[in-house]
Protein backbone atom coordinates (compact mmCIF):
# COMPACT_ATOMS: atom_id res chain seq x y z
CA MET A 1 -7.98 -7.89 -13.87
CA ILE A 2 -9.64 -5.36 -12.51
CA LYS A 3 -10.20 -2.10 -14.58
CA LEU A 4 -8.80 1.64 -12.74
CA LYS A 5 -11.11 4.09 -14.99
CA GLU A 6 -14.74 1.69 -13.69
CA LEU A 7 -13.63 1.82 -10.59
CA VAL A 8 -13.10 4.91 -9.34
CA LYS A 9 -15.50 6.68 -10.87
CA GLU A 10 -17.25 3.86 -8.12
CA VAL A 11 -15.82 4.13 -4.79
CA LEU A 12 -13.19 1.88 -4.64
CA THR A 13 -12.78 -0.45 -1.65
CA ILE A 14 -9.77 -2.13 0.24
CA LYS A 15 -10.53 -5.65 -1.60
CA ASP A 16 -10.47 -3.47 -3.95
CA VAL A 17 -7.01 -2.16 -4.18
CA GLN A 18 -6.13 -5.67 -1.88
CA LYS A 19 -6.98 -7.08 -6.32
CA MET A 20 -4.37 -4.75 -7.53
CA LEU A 21 -1.72 -4.57 -4.84
CA PRO A 22 -1.43 -8.84 -4.67
CA ASP A 23 2.13 -8.32 -2.86
CA THR A 24 1.07 -5.92 -0.27
CA ASP A 25 0.51 -7.20 3.44
CA GLN A 26 -2.08 -5.45 5.27
CA ILE A 27 -3.73 -2.55 3.11
CA THR A 28 -6.61 -0.01 5.16
CA LYS A 29 -8.86 2.88 4.13
CA SER A 30 -9.20 6.55 6.03
CA GLY A 31 -11.74 8.19 3.85
CA ASN A 32 -9.85 8.39 0.76
CA VAL A 33 -6.73 7.85 1.46
CA PHE A 34 -5.64 4.35 1.27
CA THR A 35 -2.57 2.63 3.48
CA ALA A 36 -0.38 -0.51 2.31
CA ARG A 37 1.69 -1.79 4.84
CA LEU A 38 4.55 -4.61 3.77
CA GLU A 39 6.38 -5.75 6.72
CA HIS A 40 9.62 -6.63 7.12
CA PHE A 41 12.66 -8.90 9.71
CA TYR A 42 15.19 -8.59 6.71
CA THR A 43 15.84 -5.87 3.90
CA PHE A 44 17.68 -6.67 2.16
CA GLY A 45 18.64 -3.72 0.50
CA LYS A 46 15.27 -3.17 -0.59
CA THR A 47 13.81 0.35 1.30
CA ASP A 48 10.20 2.45 1.00
CA LYS A 49 11.25 3.90 -1.84
CA ASP A 50 10.95 0.47 -3.58
CA PHE A 51 6.99 -0.26 -2.01
CA ARG A 52 6.74 2.97 -3.57
CA ASP A 53 8.13 2.28 -6.44
CA TYR A 54 5.22 -1.05 -6.89
CA ILE A 55 2.91 0.44 -5.98
CA GLN A 56 3.41 3.55 -8.84
CA LYS A 57 3.77 0.84 -10.91
CA GLU A 58 0.56 -1.01 -10.04
CA ILE A 59 -1.38 1.03 -9.60
CA PRO A 60 -0.07 4.84 -12.15
CA ASN A 61 -3.19 7.00 -11.13
CA ALA A 62 -2.52 7.00 -7.17
CA GLU A 63 -1.84 9.81 -6.11
CA ILE A 64 1.06 9.41 -2.79
CA ILE A 65 0.81 11.65 -0.08
CA ASP A 66 3.55 9.49 1.94
CA SER A 67 6.04 7.40 2.72
CA GLY A 68 7.90 5.09 5.55
CA ASP A 69 9.90 2.29 7.55
CA ILE A 70 8.74 1.08 10.88
CA TRP A 71 11.21 0.15 12.63
CA LYS A 72 9.93 -2.07 15.94
CA PRO A 73 11.71 -4.76 18.27
CA PHE A 74 10.46 -8.08 16.67
CA LYS A 75 7.84 -10.17 18.59
CA GLY A 76 5.83 -13.02 17.27
CA GLY A 77 2.53 -12.59 15.99
CA ALA A 78 2.65 -9.29 15.88
CA PRO A 79 0.01 -7.40 13.36
CA VAL A 80 1.58 -6.42 10.28
CA HIS A 81 1.45 -2.45 11.97
CA LYS A 82 2.92 -3.49 15.74
CA SER A 83 6.07 -4.75 13.10
CA SER A 84 8.75 -3.83 10.85
CA HIS A 85 6.84 -2.79 7.70
CA TRP A 86 7.24 -0.44 4.76
CA PHE A 87 4.51 1.58 3.80
CA VAL A 88 2.97 4.03 1.30
CA LYS A 89 0.11 6.55 1.90
CA PHE A 90 -1.43 7.51 -1.19
CA ARG A 91 -5.18 7.90 -3.27
CA ILE A 92 -6.44 7.15 -6.46
CA LYS A 93 -6.83 10.07 -8.66
CA GLU A 94 -9.88 9.71 -11.27
CA THR A 95 -9.02 9.09 -14.65
CA LYS A 96 -10.46 11.05 -17.18
């Protein structure tokens, strides 16, 4: 398991965050802001709040900036960002 305290002092990479959030479909990074995405076709009653809660549980020092639900028409083989998905944008605050 990755130790957050050690990693936050260094620059976190997408691979580091993927290891902390294995139940995501895509993670991207712009500056110090990460965006996690989870594709869905059927929601089964879940919302972006459930995805946000998952990220907050796995990375307690994540500062959530934005989250939402993107709806797109189904297109087989489309990448996650062009399909229906939940997204959460967050920063990882340094622990002291």
